[in-house]
Amino acid sequence: MRKAIRAQLEAAGIETISEATDGYEAIAKVLTVNPDVVILDVAMLRLNGLDTIKELRKLRPKLPIILHTQYADAVRSLGLLKGVTKIVSKGDPLIPAVLDAIDSGARLAAAH
């Protein structure tokens, strides 16, 4: 799935710098790579996406985070969106959400 997302992003002209295999690796990469946006799934090894979001918010409160998951409806209905910039169901277009998140992150950075 990560390779398919990377291919989509690169085909749309979005530079992808890094991938992570689990939540802990995602946190480490955010600290070293300093991305413009992070895309996570709920189902991740070792540290799930929701817990990863909580940790990322402590480190980078304004970092745009997209939750790209097949569990989008469940996450919405359970009110688990705290810290999520956007949620995109798998199968729905991801690129517009990424471009929007990058743009909103740039606007926030410019305001400070």
C-alpha atoms as a PDB file:
ATOM      1  CA  MET A   1       0.000   0.000   0.000  1.00  0.00           C
ATOM      2  CA  ARG A   2       2.847   2.428   0.832  1.00  0.00           C
ATOM      3  CA  LYS A   3       4.370   1.893  -2.603  1.00  0.00           C
ATOM      4  CA  ALA A   4       1.013   2.554  -4.312  1.00  0.00           C
ATOM      5  CA  ILE A   5       0.526   5.771  -2.333  1.00  0.00           C
ATOM      6  CA  ARG A   6       4.075   6.878  -3.126  1.00  0.00           C
ATOM      7  CA  ALA A   7       3.485   6.205  -6.845  1.00  0.00           C
ATOM      8  CA  GLN A   8       0.243   8.244  -6.732  1.00  0.00           C
ATOM      9  CA  LEU A   9       1.951  11.159  -5.015  1.00  0.00           C
ATOM     10  CA  GLU A  10       4.939  11.176  -7.342  1.00  0.00           C
ATOM     11  CA  ALA A  11       2.694  10.909 -10.421  1.00  0.00           C
ATOM     12  CA  ALA A  12       0.932  14.051  -9.169  1.00  0.00           C
ATOM     13  CA  GLY A  13       4.271  15.844  -8.823  1.00  0.00           C
ATOM     14  CA  ILE A  14       4.402  15.623  -5.031  1.00  0.00           C
ATOM     15  CA  GLU A  15       7.867  14.844  -3.724  1.00  0.00           C
ATOM     16  CA  THR A  16       7.847  11.961  -1.285  1.00  0.00           C
ATOM     17  CA  ILE A  17      10.808  11.779   0.990  1.00  0.00           C
ATOM     18  CA  SER A  18      10.234   8.962   3.384  1.00  0.00           C
ATOM     19  CA  GLU A  19       8.136   5.966   4.315  1.00  0.00           C
ATOM     20  CA  ALA A  20       7.692   4.246   7.656  1.00  0.00           C
ATOM     21  CA  THR A  21       6.736   0.669   8.415  1.00  0.00           C
ATOM     22  CA  ASP A  22       5.169   1.433  11.806  1.00  0.00           C
ATOM     23  CA  GLY A  23       4.163   4.234  14.146  1.00  0.00           C
ATOM     24  CA  TYR A  24       7.473   4.405  15.998  1.00  0.00           C
ATOM     25  CA  GLU A  25       9.396   4.711  12.759  1.00  0.00           C
ATOM     26  CA  ALA A  26       6.967   7.402  11.565  1.00  0.00           C
ATOM     27  CA  ILE A  27       7.627   9.446  14.705  1.00  0.00           C
ATOM     28  CA  ALA A  28      11.399   9.088  14.304  1.00  0.00           C
ATOM     29  CA  LYS A  29      11.219  10.155  10.666  1.00  0.00           C
ATOM     30  CA  VAL A  30       9.085  13.204  11.466  1.00  0.00           C
ATOM     31  CA  LEU A  31      11.821  14.304  13.849  1.00  0.00           C
ATOM     32  CA  THR A  32      14.623  13.813  11.315  1.00  0.00           C
ATOM     33  CA  VAL A  33      12.987  14.567   7.950  1.00  0.00           C
ATOM     34  CA  ASN A  34      10.620  17.393   8.989  1.00  0.00           C
ATOM     35  CA  PRO A  35       7.880  16.623   6.412  1.00  0.00           C
ATOM     36  CA  ASP A  36       5.211  19.024   5.151  1.00  0.00           C
ATOM     37  CA  VAL A  37       2.495  16.403   5.668  1.00  0.00           C
ATOM     38  CA  VAL A  38       2.171  12.892   7.119  1.00  0.00           C
ATOM     39  CA  ILE A  39      -0.180  10.189   5.867  1.00  0.00           C
ATOM     40  CA  LEU A  40      -1.051   7.446   8.365  1.00  0.00           C
ATOM     41  CA  ASP A  41      -3.385   4.479   8.535  1.00  0.00           C
ATOM     42  CA  VAL A  42      -5.187   3.340  11.669  1.00  0.00           C
ATOM     43  CA  ALA A  43      -3.849  -0.200  11.249  1.00  0.00           C
ATOM     44  CA  MET A  44      -0.084   0.029  11.723  1.00  0.00           C
ATOM     45  CA  LEU A  45       2.413  -2.295  13.346  1.00  0.00           C
ATOM     46  CA  ARG A  46       3.723  -1.749  16.896  1.00  0.00           C
ATOM     47  CA  LEU A  47       2.025   1.658  17.374  1.00  0.00           C
ATOM     48  CA  ASN A  48      -1.318   2.195  15.636  1.00  0.00           C
ATOM     49  CA  GLY A  49      -2.105   5.324  13.661  1.00  0.00           C
ATOM     50  CA  LEU A  50      -4.313   6.923  16.323  1.00  0.00           C
ATOM     51  CA  ASP A  51      -1.621   6.594  18.993  1.00  0.00           C
ATOM     52  CA  THR A  52       1.002   7.794  16.510  1.00  0.00           C
ATOM     53  CA  ILE A  53      -1.096  10.916  15.881  1.00  0.00           C
ATOM     54  CA  LYS A  54      -1.217  11.635  19.622  1.00  0.00           C
ATOM     55  CA  GLU A  55       2.564  11.441  19.853  1.00  0.00           C
ATOM     56  CA  LEU A  56       3.111  13.511  16.705  1.00  0.00           C
ATOM     57  CA  ARG A  57       0.810  16.236  18.044  1.00  0.00           C
ATOM     58  CA  LYS A  58       3.030  16.544  21.127  1.00  0.00           C
ATOM     59  CA  LEU A  59       6.094  16.968  18.913  1.00  0.00           C
ATOM     60  CA  ARG A  60       4.666  18.979  16.004  1.00  0.00           C
ATOM     61  CA  PRO A  61       1.241  20.408  16.922  1.00  0.00           C
ATOM     62  CA  LYS A  62       0.666  22.077  13.548  1.00  0.00           C
ATOM     63  CA  LEU A  63       1.925  19.281  11.285  1.00  0.00           C
ATOM     64  CA  PRO A  64      -0.799  18.337   8.775  1.00  0.00           C
ATOM     65  CA  ILE A  65      -1.747  14.690   9.313  1.00  0.00           C
ATOM     66  CA  ILE A  66      -3.976  12.756   6.940  1.00  0.00           C
ATOM     67  CA  LEU A  67      -5.578   9.564   8.171  1.00  0.00           C
ATOM     68  CA  HIS A  68      -5.963   7.321   5.110  1.00  0.00           C
ATOM     69  CA  THR A  69      -7.874   4.264   6.213  1.00  0.00           C
ATOM     70  CA  GLN A  70     -10.577   1.794   5.399  1.00  0.00           C
ATOM     71  CA  TYR A  71     -11.934   2.525   8.879  1.00  0.00           C
ATOM     72  CA  ALA A  72     -12.777   6.184   8.128  1.00  0.00           C
ATOM     73  CA  ASP A  73     -16.475   5.838   8.945  1.00  0.00           C
ATOM     74  CA  ALA A  74     -15.763   4.062  12.234  1.00  0.00           C
ATOM     75  CA  VAL A  75     -13.170   6.669  13.216  1.00  0.00           C
ATOM     76  CA  ARG A  76     -15.638   9.463  12.446  1.00  0.00           C
ATOM     77  CA  SER A  77     -18.540   7.801  14.279  1.00  0.00           C
ATOM     78  CA  LEU A  78     -16.440   7.137  17.378  1.00  0.00           C
ATOM     79  CA  GLY A  79     -15.170  10.721  17.473  1.00  0.00           C
ATOM     80  CA  LEU A  80     -11.529   9.690  17.128  1.00  0.00           C
ATOM     81  CA  LEU A  81     -10.525  12.570  14.862  1.00  0.00           C
ATOM     82  CA  LYS A  82      -8.610  14.583  17.443  1.00  0.00           C
ATOM     83  CA  GLY A  83      -5.344  15.679  15.880  1.00  0.00           C
ATOM     84  CA  VAL A  84      -6.312  14.651  12.348  1.00  0.00           C
ATOM     85  CA  THR A  85      -6.151  17.334   9.653  1.00  0.00           C
ATOM     86  CA  LYS A  86      -8.145  15.261   7.162  1.00  0.00           C
ATOM     87  CA  ILE A  87      -9.513  11.763   6.946  1.00  0.00           C
ATOM     88  CA  VAL A  88      -9.674   9.981   3.603  1.00  0.00           C
ATOM     89  CA  SER A  89     -11.283   6.603   3.064  1.00  0.00           C
ATOM     90  CA  LYS A  90      -9.202   4.143   1.097  1.00  0.00           C
ATOM     91  CA  GLY A  91     -10.546   4.192  -2.418  1.00  0.00           C
ATOM     92  CA  ASP A  92     -11.342   7.927  -2.275  1.00  0.00           C
ATOM     93  CA  PRO A  93      -8.992  10.395  -3.978  1.00  0.00           C
ATOM     94  CA  LEU A  94      -5.967  11.068  -1.775  1.00  0.00           C
ATOM     95  CA  ILE A  95      -4.095  13.667  -3.852  1.00  0.00           C
ATOM     96  CA  PRO A  96      -6.559  16.569  -3.281  1.00  0.00           C
ATOM     97  CA  ALA A  97      -6.364  15.999   0.483  1.00  0.00           C
ATOM     98  CA  VAL A  98      -2.552  15.960   0.380  1.00  0.00           C
ATOM     99  CA  LEU A  99      -2.366  19.151  -1.681  1.00  0.00           C
ATOM    100  CA  ASP A 100      -4.866  20.820   0.640  1.00  0.00           C
ATOM    101  CA  ALA A 101      -2.925  19.734   3.744  1.00  0.00           C
ATOM    102  CA  ILE A 102       0.389  20.952   2.315  1.00  0.00           C
ATOM    103  CA  ASP A 103      -1.213  24.280   1.441  1.00  0.00           C
ATOM    104  CA  SER A 104      -2.790  24.698   4.891  1.00  0.00           C
ATOM    105  CA  GLY A 105       0.513  23.781   6.560  1.00  0.00           C
ATOM    106  CA  ALA A 106       2.338  26.379   4.457  1.00  0.00           C
ATOM    107  CA  ARG A 107      -0.238  29.024   5.381  1.00  0.00           C
ATOM    108  CA  LEU A 108       0.181  28.220   9.074  1.00  0.00           C
ATOM    109  CA  ALA A 109       3.970  28.407   8.810  1.00  0.00           C
ATOM    110  CA  ALA A 110       3.792  31.748   6.990  1.00  0.00           C
ATOM    111  CA  ALA A 111       1.529  33.169   9.685  1.00  0.00           C
ATOM    112  CA  HIS A 112       4.166  32.526  12.376  1.00  0.00           C
END
